[in-house]
Amino acid sequence: MLTEMIPSKVHVASLCKYSIPIVIVQLGINLMGTTDAIMAGRVSSMDLAAVALGNLYFMMVTSFGTGLLLALDTVISQAVGSGNNRGVSLGIQRGLLLVCPLSVVTVLLLFPAENLFTLLRQPAEVIPLASGYALASVAGVL
C-alpha cells in the first residue's frame, strides 16, 4: 500500500517533462522585470525606482488574471490524462472566453497608474516614469 504512494522514476520523469514549459514561462515573466531593472539601474537611480515601481504595479494587476487562467492547466491536464477530448476542447474554449474580458479589465486597471502612485505618495519625480512603464506594459497584456 505504501509503495503506491512513492513516485517511481517514470512518474518523476513524466512530471518533469510536462512541468518544464510552465517553469520556463514563469521564469521568463519574472526575468523580464529583472532585466528591465538591470538595464535601468545603469541609467540612473530614478529610472531604476520607476522601473521597480511600474513593474510591481504591473505584476500586481496581472497576477489575478494569471492565477485564474492557471486553474485551467489542471482542468485541461486532467481531461488529456483521461482521454476526454471534449473536456480538452471545453477547457480551451473557456480559457479563450476568460482571457478576452480579463485582458480588457487588466488594461483598464493599468491606465490609472499615475493617479494611484500619487495617492500612495510616491516621489513626484518617479511617478511619470513609473506610470509610463506600466502603460508600456499594456502591449504585453494584449
N, C-alpha and C. Protein backbone atom coordinates (compact mmCIF):
# COMPACT_ATOMS: atom_id res chain seq x y z
N MET A 1 0.82 -1.19 0.00
CA MET A 1 0.00 0.00 0.00
C MET A 1 0.87 1.25 0.00
N LEU A 2 1.91 1.28 0.82
CA LEU A 2 2.78 2.44 0.92
C LEU A 2 3.57 2.65 -0.36
N THR A 3 3.93 1.56 -1.04
CA THR A 3 4.71 1.70 -2.27
C THR A 3 3.93 2.38 -3.38
N GLU A 4 2.60 2.34 -3.33
CA GLU A 4 1.79 3.02 -4.34
C GLU A 4 1.91 4.54 -4.22
N MET A 5 2.23 5.03 -3.04
CA MET A 5 2.31 6.47 -2.82
C MET A 5 3.69 7.03 -3.15
N ILE A 6 4.69 6.17 -3.25
CA ILE A 6 6.05 6.62 -3.57
C ILE A 6 6.17 6.72 -5.08
N PRO A 7 6.50 7.92 -5.59
CA PRO A 7 6.58 8.07 -7.04
C PRO A 7 7.76 7.29 -7.63
N SER A 8 7.51 6.68 -8.74
CA SER A 8 8.58 5.95 -9.42
C SER A 8 9.36 6.90 -10.31
N LYS A 9 10.46 6.41 -10.85
CA LYS A 9 11.28 7.23 -11.74
C LYS A 9 10.48 7.65 -12.97
N VAL A 10 9.60 6.79 -13.42
CA VAL A 10 8.77 7.11 -14.59
C VAL A 10 7.84 8.27 -14.28
N HIS A 11 7.22 8.25 -13.09
CA HIS A 11 6.32 9.34 -12.71
C HIS A 11 7.06 10.66 -12.57
N VAL A 12 8.23 10.61 -11.94
CA VAL A 12 9.01 11.84 -11.76
C VAL A 12 9.47 12.38 -13.11
N ALA A 13 9.91 11.50 -14.00
CA ALA A 13 10.35 11.93 -15.33
C ALA A 13 9.19 12.53 -16.11
N SER A 14 8.02 11.91 -16.01
CA SER A 14 6.84 12.43 -16.69
C SER A 14 6.44 13.79 -16.13
N LEU A 15 6.48 13.93 -14.82
CA LEU A 15 6.14 15.20 -14.18
C LEU A 15 7.10 16.30 -14.62
N CYS A 16 8.39 15.99 -14.63
CA CYS A 16 9.39 16.98 -15.07
C CYS A 16 9.18 17.36 -16.53
N LYS A 17 8.89 16.37 -17.35
CA LYS A 17 8.69 16.62 -18.78
C LYS A 17 7.55 17.61 -19.02
N TYR A 18 6.46 17.43 -18.30
CA TYR A 18 5.30 18.28 -18.52
C TYR A 18 5.35 19.60 -17.75
N SER A 19 6.16 19.67 -16.71
CA SER A 19 6.23 20.92 -15.94
C SER A 19 7.27 21.89 -16.47
N ILE A 20 8.20 21.43 -17.27
CA ILE A 20 9.27 22.31 -17.77
C ILE A 20 8.71 23.51 -18.53
N PRO A 21 7.74 23.37 -19.44
CA PRO A 21 7.22 24.57 -20.12
C PRO A 21 6.61 25.60 -19.15
N ILE A 22 5.93 25.14 -18.13
CA ILE A 22 5.33 26.06 -17.16
C ILE A 22 6.42 26.78 -16.38
N VAL A 23 7.46 26.06 -15.99
CA VAL A 23 8.58 26.67 -15.26
C VAL A 23 9.27 27.71 -16.14
N ILE A 24 9.48 27.39 -17.41
CA ILE A 24 10.15 28.33 -18.32
C ILE A 24 9.33 29.61 -18.48
N VAL A 25 8.02 29.48 -18.63
CA VAL A 25 7.17 30.67 -18.77
C VAL A 25 7.23 31.53 -17.51
N GLN A 26 7.14 30.91 -16.35
CA GLN A 26 7.18 31.68 -15.10
C GLN A 26 8.53 32.37 -14.91
N LEU A 27 9.61 31.67 -15.24
CA LEU A 27 10.93 32.30 -15.17
C LEU A 27 11.04 33.46 -16.14
N GLY A 28 10.53 33.28 -17.33
CA GLY A 28 10.57 34.35 -18.33
C GLY A 28 9.82 35.59 -17.88
N ILE A 29 8.65 35.39 -17.31
CA ILE A 29 7.86 36.53 -16.83
C ILE A 29 8.61 37.29 -15.74
N ASN A 30 9.18 36.56 -14.80
CA ASN A 30 9.89 37.21 -13.70
C ASN A 30 11.21 37.81 -14.15
N LEU A 31 11.87 37.19 -15.10
CA LEU A 31 13.16 37.72 -15.56
C LEU A 31 13.00 38.98 -16.41
N MET A 32 11.82 39.20 -16.99
CA MET A 32 11.62 40.44 -17.75
C MET A 32 11.76 41.66 -16.85
N GLY A 33 11.13 41.63 -15.69
CA GLY A 33 11.25 42.73 -14.74
C GLY A 33 12.67 42.88 -14.22
N THR A 34 13.32 41.75 -13.99
CA THR A 34 14.71 41.79 -13.52
C THR A 34 15.62 42.40 -14.57
N THR A 35 15.43 42.00 -15.81
CA THR A 35 16.24 42.55 -16.91
C THR A 35 16.00 44.05 -17.05
N ASP A 36 14.76 44.47 -16.96
CA ASP A 36 14.45 45.90 -17.03
C ASP A 36 15.14 46.66 -15.90
N ALA A 37 15.14 46.08 -14.71
CA ALA A 37 15.78 46.74 -13.56
C ALA A 37 17.29 46.84 -13.75
N ILE A 38 17.89 45.79 -14.28
CA ILE A 38 19.34 45.82 -14.53
C ILE A 38 19.68 46.90 -15.54
N MET A 39 18.90 46.97 -16.61
CA MET A 39 19.17 47.98 -17.64
C MET A 39 18.92 49.39 -17.12
N ALA A 40 17.83 49.59 -16.38
CA ALA A 40 17.51 50.92 -15.87
C ALA A 40 18.50 51.36 -14.79
N GLY A 41 19.01 50.42 -14.02
CA GLY A 41 19.97 50.74 -12.98
C GLY A 41 21.25 51.33 -13.54
N ARG A 42 21.57 51.01 -14.78
CA ARG A 42 22.76 51.57 -15.42
C ARG A 42 22.54 53.01 -15.87
N VAL A 43 21.28 53.41 -16.02
CA VAL A 43 20.97 54.77 -16.47
C VAL A 43 20.98 55.73 -15.28
N SER A 44 20.09 55.48 -14.31
CA SER A 44 20.06 56.34 -13.11
C SER A 44 19.24 55.66 -12.02
N SER A 45 19.41 56.14 -10.81
CA SER A 45 18.64 55.59 -9.70
C SER A 45 17.16 55.93 -9.84
N MET A 46 16.87 57.07 -10.47
CA MET A 46 15.49 57.48 -10.70
C MET A 46 14.80 56.50 -11.65
N ASP A 47 15.49 56.14 -12.72
CA ASP A 47 14.92 55.18 -13.67
C ASP A 47 14.76 53.80 -13.03
N LEU A 48 15.71 53.42 -12.21
CA LEU A 48 15.60 52.14 -11.51
C LEU A 48 14.38 52.13 -10.59
N ALA A 49 14.17 53.20 -9.86
CA ALA A 49 13.00 53.30 -8.97
C ALA A 49 11.71 53.25 -9.78
N ALA A 50 11.69 53.93 -10.92
CA ALA A 50 10.48 53.95 -11.76
C ALA A 50 10.18 52.57 -12.32
N VAL A 51 11.20 51.88 -12.80
CA VAL A 51 11.00 50.53 -13.35
C VAL A 51 10.54 49.58 -12.26
N ALA A 52 11.13 49.68 -11.08
CA ALA A 52 10.73 48.80 -9.98
C ALA A 52 9.27 49.05 -9.59
N LEU A 53 8.89 50.31 -9.48
CA LEU A 53 7.51 50.65 -9.11
C LEU A 53 6.53 50.25 -10.21
N GLY A 54 6.86 50.55 -11.45
CA GLY A 54 6.00 50.20 -12.58
C GLY A 54 5.84 48.70 -12.73
N ASN A 55 6.94 47.96 -12.57
CA ASN A 55 6.88 46.50 -12.68
C ASN A 55 6.08 45.90 -11.52
N LEU A 56 6.25 46.45 -10.34
CA LEU A 56 5.48 45.97 -9.19
C LEU A 56 3.98 46.13 -9.44
N TYR A 57 3.59 47.29 -9.94
CA TYR A 57 2.18 47.54 -10.22
C TYR A 57 1.68 46.61 -11.33
N PHE A 58 2.47 46.46 -12.39
CA PHE A 58 2.09 45.58 -13.50
C PHE A 58 1.90 44.14 -13.01
N MET A 59 2.85 43.64 -12.22
CA MET A 59 2.75 42.26 -11.74
C MET A 59 1.55 42.09 -10.80
N MET A 60 1.28 43.11 -9.98
CA MET A 60 0.14 43.04 -9.07
C MET A 60 -1.17 42.94 -9.86
N VAL A 61 -1.30 43.76 -10.88
CA VAL A 61 -2.54 43.79 -11.67
C VAL A 61 -2.70 42.50 -12.48
N THR A 62 -1.63 42.01 -13.08
CA THR A 62 -1.73 40.84 -13.95
C THR A 62 -1.77 39.52 -13.20
N SER A 63 -1.33 39.48 -11.95
CA SER A 63 -1.27 38.21 -11.24
C SER A 63 -2.66 37.62 -10.97
N PHE A 64 -3.67 38.45 -10.81
CA PHE A 64 -5.03 37.94 -10.59
C PHE A 64 -5.50 37.15 -11.82
N GLY A 65 -5.38 37.75 -13.00
CA GLY A 65 -5.79 37.07 -14.22
C GLY A 65 -4.95 35.84 -14.51
N THR A 66 -3.66 35.94 -14.23
CA THR A 66 -2.78 34.79 -14.43
C THR A 66 -3.20 33.63 -13.54
N GLY A 67 -3.53 33.93 -12.30
CA GLY A 67 -3.97 32.88 -11.39
C GLY A 67 -5.25 32.20 -11.85
N LEU A 68 -6.18 33.00 -12.35
CA LEU A 68 -7.43 32.41 -12.87
C LEU A 68 -7.16 31.50 -14.06
N LEU A 69 -6.31 31.97 -14.96
CA LEU A 69 -6.04 31.18 -16.15
C LEU A 69 -5.20 29.93 -15.84
N LEU A 70 -4.36 29.99 -14.82
CA LEU A 70 -3.56 28.82 -14.46
C LEU A 70 -4.44 27.69 -13.91
N ALA A 71 -5.61 28.01 -13.42
CA ALA A 71 -6.53 26.98 -12.96
C ALA A 71 -6.93 26.07 -14.12
N LEU A 72 -6.91 26.61 -15.32
CA LEU A 72 -7.26 25.80 -16.49
C LEU A 72 -6.20 24.75 -16.81
N ASP A 73 -4.97 24.96 -16.36
CA ASP A 73 -3.93 23.94 -16.55
C ASP A 73 -4.39 22.60 -15.97
N THR A 74 -4.92 22.65 -14.78
CA THR A 74 -5.38 21.43 -14.10
C THR A 74 -6.56 20.81 -14.83
N VAL A 75 -7.51 21.63 -15.21
CA VAL A 75 -8.71 21.13 -15.88
C VAL A 75 -8.34 20.45 -17.20
N ILE A 76 -7.53 21.13 -17.99
CA ILE A 76 -7.15 20.59 -19.30
C ILE A 76 -6.24 19.38 -19.14
N SER A 77 -5.31 19.42 -18.19
CA SER A 77 -4.42 18.27 -17.97
C SER A 77 -5.19 17.03 -17.55
N GLN A 78 -6.18 17.20 -16.69
CA GLN A 78 -6.99 16.05 -16.28
C GLN A 78 -7.78 15.50 -17.46
N ALA A 79 -8.28 16.39 -18.31
CA ALA A 79 -9.03 15.93 -19.48
C ALA A 79 -8.11 15.18 -20.45
N VAL A 80 -6.90 15.68 -20.64
CA VAL A 80 -5.94 15.00 -21.52
C VAL A 80 -5.60 13.63 -20.94
N GLY A 81 -5.32 13.59 -19.63
CA GLY A 81 -4.95 12.34 -18.98
C GLY A 81 -6.03 11.28 -19.04
N SER A 82 -7.27 11.70 -19.00
CA SER A 82 -8.37 10.74 -19.04
C SER A 82 -8.85 10.46 -20.47
N GLY A 83 -8.21 11.10 -21.45
CA GLY A 83 -8.60 10.88 -22.84
C GLY A 83 -9.91 11.55 -23.21
N ASN A 84 -10.31 12.55 -22.46
CA ASN A 84 -11.57 13.24 -22.68
C ASN A 84 -11.34 14.42 -23.64
N ASN A 85 -11.44 14.17 -24.92
CA ASN A 85 -11.19 15.22 -25.92
C ASN A 85 -12.20 16.36 -25.82
N ARG A 86 -13.43 16.03 -25.48
CA ARG A 86 -14.44 17.09 -25.31
C ARG A 86 -14.07 17.99 -24.14
N GLY A 87 -13.58 17.41 -23.07
CA GLY A 87 -13.15 18.19 -21.91
C GLY A 87 -11.98 19.11 -22.24
N VAL A 88 -11.06 18.61 -23.08
CA VAL A 88 -9.93 19.44 -23.52
C VAL A 88 -10.47 20.63 -24.32
N SER A 89 -11.37 20.34 -25.25
CA SER A 89 -11.94 21.41 -26.07
C SER A 89 -12.68 22.44 -25.22
N LEU A 90 -13.46 21.97 -24.26
CA LEU A 90 -14.19 22.89 -23.39
C LEU A 90 -13.24 23.72 -22.53
N GLY A 91 -12.16 23.11 -22.05
CA GLY A 91 -11.19 23.85 -21.25
C GLY A 91 -10.52 24.95 -22.05
N ILE A 92 -10.15 24.64 -23.27
CA ILE A 92 -9.52 25.64 -24.15
C ILE A 92 -10.53 26.74 -24.49
N GLN A 93 -11.75 26.33 -24.79
CA GLN A 93 -12.80 27.31 -25.09
C GLN A 93 -13.03 28.25 -23.91
N ARG A 94 -13.12 27.70 -22.73
CA ARG A 94 -13.33 28.54 -21.54
C ARG A 94 -12.14 29.46 -21.29
N GLY A 95 -10.95 28.96 -21.59
CA GLY A 95 -9.77 29.81 -21.46
C GLY A 95 -9.82 30.99 -22.39
N LEU A 96 -10.22 30.74 -23.63
CA LEU A 96 -10.33 31.84 -24.60
C LEU A 96 -11.43 32.82 -24.20
N LEU A 97 -12.52 32.29 -23.65
CA LEU A 97 -13.61 33.17 -23.20
C LEU A 97 -13.20 33.98 -21.97
N LEU A 98 -12.34 33.43 -21.14
CA LEU A 98 -11.87 34.16 -19.96
C LEU A 98 -10.81 35.21 -20.30
N VAL A 99 -9.94 34.88 -21.24
CA VAL A 99 -8.80 35.75 -21.50
C VAL A 99 -9.22 37.09 -22.11
N CYS A 100 -10.26 37.10 -22.89
CA CYS A 100 -10.69 38.37 -23.53
C CYS A 100 -11.16 39.40 -22.50
N PRO A 101 -12.14 39.09 -21.67
CA PRO A 101 -12.55 40.10 -20.68
C PRO A 101 -11.47 40.38 -19.63
N LEU A 102 -10.67 39.36 -19.27
CA LEU A 102 -9.60 39.60 -18.31
C LEU A 102 -8.55 40.56 -18.86
N SER A 103 -8.27 40.46 -20.15
CA SER A 103 -7.31 41.38 -20.77
C SER A 103 -7.83 42.80 -20.74
N VAL A 104 -9.10 42.97 -21.04
CA VAL A 104 -9.69 44.31 -21.03
C VAL A 104 -9.65 44.90 -19.62
N VAL A 105 -10.03 44.12 -18.63
CA VAL A 105 -10.02 44.60 -17.25
C VAL A 105 -8.59 44.94 -16.82
N THR A 106 -7.64 44.09 -17.17
CA THR A 106 -6.24 44.34 -16.81
C THR A 106 -5.74 45.63 -17.42
N VAL A 107 -6.03 45.84 -18.70
CA VAL A 107 -5.60 47.07 -19.37
C VAL A 107 -6.23 48.28 -18.70
N LEU A 108 -7.51 48.19 -18.39
CA LEU A 108 -8.19 49.32 -17.73
C LEU A 108 -7.61 49.61 -16.34
N LEU A 109 -7.14 48.58 -15.66
CA LEU A 109 -6.54 48.78 -14.34
C LEU A 109 -5.13 49.38 -14.43
N LEU A 110 -4.48 49.22 -15.58
CA LEU A 110 -3.13 49.77 -15.73
C LEU A 110 -3.15 51.26 -16.05
N PHE A 111 -4.23 51.76 -16.63
CA PHE A 111 -4.28 53.17 -17.03
C PHE A 111 -4.24 54.17 -15.87
N PRO A 112 -4.89 53.91 -14.73
CA PRO A 112 -4.83 54.92 -13.66
C PRO A 112 -3.57 54.82 -12.79
N ALA A 113 -2.49 54.28 -13.32
CA ALA A 113 -1.27 54.10 -12.53
C ALA A 113 -0.76 55.41 -11.95
N GLU A 114 -0.76 56.47 -12.75
CA GLU A 114 -0.24 57.75 -12.28
C GLU A 114 -1.04 58.27 -11.08
N ASN A 115 -2.35 58.19 -11.17
CA ASN A 115 -3.20 58.64 -10.05
C ASN A 115 -2.98 57.78 -8.80
N LEU A 116 -2.84 56.49 -9.00
CA LEU A 116 -2.62 55.60 -7.86
C LEU A 116 -1.28 55.87 -7.19
N PHE A 117 -0.24 56.07 -7.99
CA PHE A 117 1.08 56.36 -7.42
C PHE A 117 1.06 57.67 -6.64
N THR A 118 0.31 58.65 -7.15
CA THR A 118 0.18 59.93 -6.44
C THR A 118 -0.56 59.72 -5.12
N LEU A 119 -1.63 58.94 -5.17
CA LEU A 119 -2.41 58.65 -3.96
C LEU A 119 -1.56 57.92 -2.92
N LEU A 120 -0.66 57.07 -3.38
CA LEU A 120 0.20 56.31 -2.47
C LEU A 120 1.45 57.09 -2.06
N ARG A 121 1.50 58.36 -2.44
CA ARG A 121 2.57 59.28 -2.05
C ARG A 121 3.96 58.82 -2.49
N GLN A 122 4.03 58.38 -3.72
CA GLN A 122 5.33 58.03 -4.29
C GLN A 122 6.06 59.32 -4.67
N PRO A 123 7.37 59.29 -4.79
CA PRO A 123 8.11 60.51 -5.15
C PRO A 123 7.61 61.09 -6.48
N ALA A 124 7.38 62.38 -6.49
CA ALA A 124 6.78 63.05 -7.65
C ALA A 124 7.60 62.87 -8.92
N GLU A 125 8.91 62.82 -8.79
CA GLU A 125 9.75 62.69 -9.99
C GLU A 125 9.75 61.26 -10.55
N VAL A 126 9.34 60.29 -9.75
CA VAL A 126 9.30 58.89 -10.20
C VAL A 126 7.96 58.56 -10.86
N ILE A 127 6.91 59.24 -10.46
CA ILE A 127 5.55 58.90 -10.90
C ILE A 127 5.39 58.88 -12.42
N PRO A 128 5.81 59.92 -13.16
CA PRO A 128 5.60 59.87 -14.62
C PRO A 128 6.35 58.72 -15.29
N LEU A 129 7.56 58.45 -14.82
CA LEU A 129 8.34 57.35 -15.40
C LEU A 129 7.71 55.99 -15.07
N ALA A 130 7.28 55.81 -13.83
CA ALA A 130 6.69 54.54 -13.42
C ALA A 130 5.36 54.28 -14.11
N SER A 131 4.54 55.33 -14.24
CA SER A 131 3.27 55.14 -14.93
C SER A 131 3.50 54.91 -16.42
N GLY A 132 4.53 55.53 -16.98
CA GLY A 132 4.89 55.26 -18.38
C GLY A 132 5.31 53.81 -18.58
N TYR A 133 6.05 53.27 -17.62
CA TYR A 133 6.45 51.86 -17.69
C TYR A 133 5.22 50.96 -17.63
N ALA A 134 4.30 51.27 -16.72
CA ALA A 134 3.08 50.46 -16.60
C ALA A 134 2.25 50.52 -17.88
N LEU A 135 2.15 51.70 -18.48
CA LEU A 135 1.39 51.84 -19.73
C LEU A 135 2.09 51.15 -20.89
N ALA A 136 3.42 51.18 -20.90
CA ALA A 136 4.16 50.48 -21.96
C ALA A 136 3.96 48.97 -21.85
N SER A 137 3.67 48.49 -20.66
CA SER A 137 3.45 47.06 -20.45
C SER A 137 2.10 46.59 -20.95
N VAL A 138 1.22 47.52 -21.30
CA VAL A 138 -0.12 47.17 -21.80
C VAL A 138 0.00 46.28 -23.04
N ALA A 139 0.98 46.55 -23.88
CA ALA A 139 1.15 45.75 -25.10
C ALA A 139 1.38 44.28 -24.77
N GLY A 140 2.01 44.00 -23.64
CA GLY A 140 2.24 42.62 -23.25
C GLY A 140 0.98 41.90 -22.80
N VAL A 141 -0.02 42.65 -22.40
CA VAL A 141 -1.29 42.06 -21.97
C VAL A 141 -2.15 41.70 -23.18
N LEU A 142 -2.09 42.55 -24.18
CA LEU A 142 -2.91 42.33 -25.37
C LEU A 142 -2.25 41.32 -26.27
